[in-house]
Amino acid sequence: MNIRTLGVAVALGLSLVAAPALAADNPQQNKMAACNKSAGDKKGDERKAYMSQCLSAKKEMTQQDKMKACNASAADKKGDERKAHMKECLSKKG
């Protein structure tokens, strides 16, 4: 085995070891874990209904997401009109 082949083998091995750890940080898996934990000892249809509701619940927008959305919707506005739009948009719930 030459040095290049060894290097590729080591890199491949490391990526296989790191992949599961990286996959666990996916938001859907995090949500699933949180819903699973909060479902507690529910069983059968009750658990199924709870998990369905929990997983489909919409997460509230972060302040950063809200700012991006409001900025995008105010792109064509200037001055006081933009300021008023941003104030109204950022004060909305959700």
Protein backbone atom coordinates (compact mmCIF):
# COMPACT_ATOMS: atom_id res chain seq x y z
CA MET A 1 0.00 0.00 0.00
CA ASN A 2 1.54 3.30 -1.01
CA ILE A 3 1.30 6.52 0.99
CA ARG A 4 -1.42 8.01 -1.23
CA THR A 5 -3.66 4.95 -0.80
CA LEU A 6 -3.04 4.98 2.93
CA GLY A 7 -4.00 8.66 3.12
CA VAL A 8 -7.25 8.04 1.24
CA ALA A 9 -8.06 5.06 3.46
CA VAL A 10 -7.48 7.09 6.62
CA ALA A 11 -9.58 10.00 5.33
CA LEU A 12 -12.40 7.64 4.39
CA GLY A 13 -12.27 5.95 7.77
CA LEU A 14 -12.41 9.26 9.60
CA SER A 15 -15.35 10.46 7.52
CA LEU A 16 -17.26 7.27 8.33
CA VAL A 17 -16.64 7.78 12.04
CA ALA A 18 -17.60 11.47 11.96
CA ALA A 19 -20.71 11.11 9.75
CA PRO A 20 -23.09 9.82 12.47
CA ALA A 21 -22.03 12.60 14.82
CA LEU A 22 -22.69 15.23 12.16
CA ALA A 23 -26.03 13.75 11.18
CA ALA A 24 -27.30 14.00 14.75
CA ASP A 25 -27.20 17.79 14.54
CA ASN A 26 -29.89 17.96 11.88
CA PRO A 27 -32.90 20.08 12.99
CA GLN A 28 -35.49 17.42 12.12
CA GLN A 29 -33.68 14.86 14.27
CA ASN A 30 -33.42 17.37 17.11
CA LYS A 31 -37.15 18.07 16.86
CA MET A 32 -37.90 14.33 16.80
CA ALA A 33 -35.77 13.80 19.90
CA ALA A 34 -37.47 16.68 21.75
CA CYS A 35 -40.97 15.45 20.83
CA ASN A 36 -40.04 11.90 21.76
CA LYS A 37 -38.79 13.04 25.16
CA SER A 38 -41.85 15.18 25.85
CA ALA A 39 -44.20 12.35 24.82
CA GLY A 40 -43.19 10.63 28.04
CA ASP A 41 -45.11 7.41 28.72
CA LYS A 42 -47.90 7.94 26.16
CA LYS A 43 -48.68 4.74 24.24
CA GLY A 44 -50.48 3.65 21.09
CA ASP A 45 -52.85 6.07 19.35
CA GLU A 46 -52.38 8.73 22.02
CA ARG A 47 -48.61 8.74 21.41
CA LYS A 48 -49.04 8.67 17.63
CA ALA A 49 -51.42 11.67 17.76
CA TYR A 50 -49.11 13.55 20.15
CA MET A 51 -46.02 12.94 18.00
CA SER A 52 -47.86 14.00 14.85
CA GLN A 53 -48.99 17.26 16.47
CA CYS A 54 -45.62 17.92 18.04
CA LEU A 55 -43.63 17.31 14.85
CA SER A 56 -45.94 19.42 12.72
CA ALA A 57 -45.97 22.37 15.14
CA LYS A 58 -44.43 25.39 13.53
CA LYS A 59 -41.44 26.83 15.31
CA GLU A 60 -41.67 30.54 16.07
CA MET A 61 -39.41 32.66 13.88
CA THR A 62 -36.16 33.78 15.44
CA GLN A 63 -35.47 37.50 15.60
CA GLN A 64 -32.83 37.06 12.91
CA ASP A 65 -35.28 35.24 10.59
CA LYS A 66 -37.89 37.93 11.22
CA MET A 67 -35.35 40.67 10.41
CA LYS A 68 -34.42 38.96 7.12
CA ALA A 69 -38.08 38.59 6.10
CA CYS A 70 -38.95 42.19 7.01
CA ASN A 71 -35.86 43.51 5.22
CA ALA A 72 -36.83 41.61 2.09
CA SER A 73 -40.39 42.94 2.16
CA ALA A 74 -39.11 46.52 2.68
CA ALA A 75 -36.63 46.41 -0.21
CA ASP A 76 -38.65 48.86 -2.33
CA LYS A 77 -39.30 51.33 0.51
CA LYS A 78 -37.19 54.30 1.63
CA GLY A 79 -37.02 56.74 4.54
CA ASP A 80 -40.00 57.06 6.86
CA GLU A 81 -42.05 54.59 4.83
CA ARG A 82 -39.36 51.92 5.31
CA LYS A 83 -38.96 52.76 9.02
CA ALA A 84 -42.74 52.45 9.59
CA HIS A 85 -42.88 49.18 7.64
CA MET A 86 -39.97 47.68 9.59
CA LYS A 87 -41.47 48.72 12.92
CA GLU A 88 -44.82 47.13 12.07
CA CYS A 89 -43.29 44.02 10.53
CA LEU A 90 -40.90 43.33 13.42
CA SER A 91 -43.62 43.81 16.03
CA LYS A 92 -45.83 41.07 14.53
CA LYS A 93 -46.00 37.73 16.33
CA GLY A 94 -44.82 34.57 14.59
